[in-house]
C-alpha atoms as a PDB file:
ATOM      1  CA  MET A   1     -23.148  16.492 -26.306  1.00  0.00           C
ATOM      2  CA  ARG A   2     -24.720  14.134 -23.801  1.00  0.00           C
ATOM      3  CA  ARG A   3     -26.335  15.720 -20.758  1.00  0.00           C
ATOM      4  CA  GLY A   4     -27.662  14.246 -17.569  1.00  0.00           C
ATOM      5  CA  LEU A   5     -26.713  12.668 -14.304  1.00  0.00           C
ATOM      6  CA  GLY A   6     -23.886  10.506 -15.645  1.00  0.00           C
ATOM      7  CA  ARG A   7     -21.803  13.413 -16.913  1.00  0.00           C
ATOM      8  CA  GLY A   8     -21.948  15.260 -13.600  1.00  0.00           C
ATOM      9  CA  LEU A   9     -20.799  12.229 -11.635  1.00  0.00           C
ATOM     10  CA  ARG A  10     -17.791  11.505 -13.853  1.00  0.00           C
ATOM     11  CA  ARG A  11     -16.217  14.961 -13.624  1.00  0.00           C
ATOM     12  CA  PRO A  12     -15.205  14.877  -9.914  1.00  0.00           C
ATOM     13  CA  LEU A  13     -13.764  11.374 -10.363  1.00  0.00           C
ATOM     14  CA  THR A  14     -11.796  12.507 -13.420  1.00  0.00           C
ATOM     15  CA  VAL A  15     -10.402  15.511 -11.537  1.00  0.00           C
ATOM     16  CA  ALA A  16      -9.527  13.342  -8.511  1.00  0.00           C
ATOM     17  CA  ALA A  17      -7.755  10.815 -10.753  1.00  0.00           C
ATOM     18  CA  ALA A  18      -5.780  13.620 -12.393  1.00  0.00           C
ATOM     19  CA  LYS A  19      -4.771  14.985  -8.965  1.00  0.00           C
ATOM     20  CA  VAL A  20      -3.567  11.526  -7.899  1.00  0.00           C
ATOM     21  CA  ARG A  21      -1.629  11.052 -11.173  1.00  0.00           C
ATOM     22  CA  LEU A  22       0.037  14.456 -10.699  1.00  0.00           C
ATOM     23  CA  ALA A  23       1.001  13.546  -7.125  1.00  0.00           C
ATOM     24  CA  VAL A  24       2.519  10.259  -8.334  1.00  0.00           C
ATOM     25  CA  ARG A  25       4.529  12.142 -10.965  1.00  0.00           C
ATOM     26  CA  ARG A  26       5.796  14.543  -8.294  1.00  0.00           C
ATOM     27  CA  MET A  27       6.896  11.594  -6.141  1.00  0.00           C
ATOM     28  CA  GLU A  28       8.649  10.059  -9.165  1.00  0.00           C
ATOM     29  CA  GLN A  29      10.676  13.296  -9.328  1.00  0.00           C
ATOM     30  CA  SER A  30      11.587  12.920  -5.617  1.00  0.00           C
ATOM     31  CA  LYS A  31       9.349  15.822  -4.620  1.00  0.00           C
ATOM     32  CA  LEU A  32       8.196  14.529  -1.251  1.00  0.00           C
ATOM     33  CA  SER A  33       7.425  17.766   0.595  1.00  0.00           C
ATOM     34  CA  ASN A  34       3.754  16.755   0.912  1.00  0.00           C
ATOM     35  CA  VAL A  35       4.629  13.426   2.581  1.00  0.00           C
ATOM     36  CA  GLU A  36       4.275  13.080   6.345  1.00  0.00           C
ATOM     37  CA  TRP A  37       6.086   9.999   7.733  1.00  0.00           C
ATOM     38  CA  PHE A  38       4.777   8.005  10.726  1.00  0.00           C
ATOM     39  CA  ARG A  39       4.386   4.365  11.848  1.00  0.00           C
ATOM     40  CA  GLY A  40       6.811   3.264   9.114  1.00  0.00           C
ATOM     41  CA  ILE A  41       4.736   4.663   6.238  1.00  0.00           C
ATOM     42  CA  GLY A  42       4.239   8.026   4.581  1.00  0.00           C
ATOM     43  CA  GLU A  43       1.075   9.887   3.724  1.00  0.00           C
ATOM     44  CA  TYR A  44       1.076  12.200   0.703  1.00  0.00           C
ATOM     45  CA  LYS A  45      -1.636  14.825   1.191  1.00  0.00           C
ATOM     46  CA  ILE A  46      -3.471  16.304  -1.778  1.00  0.00           C
ATOM     47  CA  ASP A  47      -5.236  19.515  -0.823  1.00  0.00           C
ATOM     48  CA  TRP A  48      -8.365  19.160  -2.968  1.00  0.00           C
ATOM     49  CA  GLY A  49     -12.013  18.308  -2.430  1.00  0.00           C
ATOM     50  CA  PRO A  50     -12.490  15.667   0.257  1.00  0.00           C
ATOM     51  CA  GLY A  51      -8.774  15.689   1.125  1.00  0.00           C
ATOM     52  CA  LEU A  52      -7.170  12.921  -0.921  1.00  0.00           C
ATOM     53  CA  ARG A  53      -4.282  10.873   0.481  1.00  0.00           C
ATOM     54  CA  ILE A  54      -1.761   8.434  -0.971  1.00  0.00           C
ATOM     55  CA  ASN A  55      -0.089   6.065   1.496  1.00  0.00           C
ATOM     56  CA  VAL A  56       3.494   5.147   0.583  1.00  0.00           C
ATOM     57  CA  ALA A  57       6.453   3.189   1.921  1.00  0.00           C
ATOM     58  CA  LYS A  58      10.195   3.388   1.279  1.00  0.00           C
ATOM     59  CA  ASP A  59      12.315   0.544  -0.025  1.00  0.00           C
ATOM     60  CA  GLY A  60      15.813   1.970  -0.148  1.00  0.00           C
ATOM     61  CA  LEU A  61      15.536   4.836  -2.615  1.00  0.00           C
ATOM     62  CA  LYS A  62      12.233   3.572  -4.036  1.00  0.00           C
ATOM     63  CA  ILE A  63       8.856   4.943  -3.012  1.00  0.00           C
ATOM     64  CA  ILE A  64       6.145   2.279  -3.135  1.00  0.00           C
ATOM     65  CA  ILE A  65       2.478   3.235  -3.354  1.00  0.00           C
ATOM     66  CA  LEU A  66       0.453   1.263  -0.838  1.00  0.00           C
ATOM     67  CA  ILE A  67      -2.974   2.848  -1.169  1.00  0.00           C
ATOM     68  CA  GLY A  68      -3.740   5.596  -3.659  1.00  0.00           C
ATOM     69  CA  GLY A  69      -6.543   8.112  -3.579  1.00  0.00           C
ATOM     70  CA  GLY A  70      -8.037   7.550  -0.111  1.00  0.00           C
ATOM     71  CA  THR A  71     -10.066  10.347   1.493  1.00  0.00           C
ATOM     72  CA  ASN A  72     -10.238  11.829   4.976  1.00  0.00           C
ATOM     73  CA  LYS A  73     -13.334   9.725   5.660  1.00  0.00           C
ATOM     74  CA  ARG A  74     -11.371   6.457   5.359  1.00  0.00           C
ATOM     75  CA  GLN A  75      -8.023   7.849   6.501  1.00  0.00           C
ATOM     76  CA  GLN A  76      -7.545   5.727   9.645  1.00  0.00           C
ATOM     77  CA  GLN A  77      -8.689   2.527   7.882  1.00  0.00           C
ATOM     78  CA  ASP A  78      -6.283   3.212   4.994  1.00  0.00           C
ATOM     79  CA  ILE A  79      -3.384   3.894   7.381  1.00  0.00           C
ATOM     80  CA  ASP A  80      -4.061   0.682   9.328  1.00  0.00           C
ATOM     81  CA  GLN A  81      -4.226  -1.305   6.073  1.00  0.00           C
ATOM     82  CA  ALA A  82      -0.982   0.250   4.780  1.00  0.00           C
ATOM     83  CA  VAL A  83       0.834  -0.492   8.063  1.00  0.00           C
ATOM     84  CA  ALA A  84      -0.446  -4.076   7.951  1.00  0.00           C
ATOM     85  CA  LEU A  85       0.787  -4.509   4.368  1.00  0.00           C
ATOM     86  CA  CYS A  86       4.252  -3.314   5.377  1.00  0.00           C
ATOM     87  CA  SER A  87       4.421  -5.406   8.528  1.00  0.00           C
ATOM     88  CA  VAL A  88       3.958  -8.666   6.612  1.00  0.00           C
ATOM     89  CA  GLY A  89       6.587  -7.662   4.047  1.00  0.00           C
ATOM     90  CA  ARG A  90       4.107  -7.430   1.193  1.00  0.00           C
ATOM     91  CA  CYS A  91       3.943  -3.795   0.570  1.00  0.00           C
ATOM     92  CA  CYS A  92       1.722  -3.026  -2.323  1.00  0.00           C
ATOM     93  CA  VAL A  93      -1.624  -3.734  -3.874  1.00  0.00           C
ATOM     94  CA  CYS A  94      -0.173  -2.872  -7.283  1.00  0.00           C
ATOM     95  CA  GLY A  95       1.939  -6.036  -7.495  1.00  0.00           C
ATOM     96  CA  ILE A  96       5.299  -4.708  -6.277  1.00  0.00           C
ATOM     97  CA  TRP A  97       6.619  -6.712  -3.339  1.00  0.00           C
ATOM     98  CA  HIS A  98       9.449  -5.850  -1.011  1.00  0.00           C
ATOM     99  CA  GLN A  99      10.704  -6.815   2.428  1.00  0.00           C
ATOM    100  CA  GLY A 100       9.429  -4.445   5.136  1.00  0.00           C
END
């Protein structure tokens, strides 16, 4: 087993990625109780570590991920970027486009 600095740094990122994946799965099942809606977008809050957030938008019945895995530290910047993406009608950095 490899020991050292690299292993310790990967673990929090792996856990954070798993938390984000779980949140996405919950949203796919229409479980949106952790989403707070404002300024035309939603913010899914993950209560773990630095306070992860996923910014989303609605397109009819679809939920579109705008920014995934942001932290409290960048929260306002992520919200402003998500609102800007929606206002120009290009709503996602993952390649899904819709009219805002």
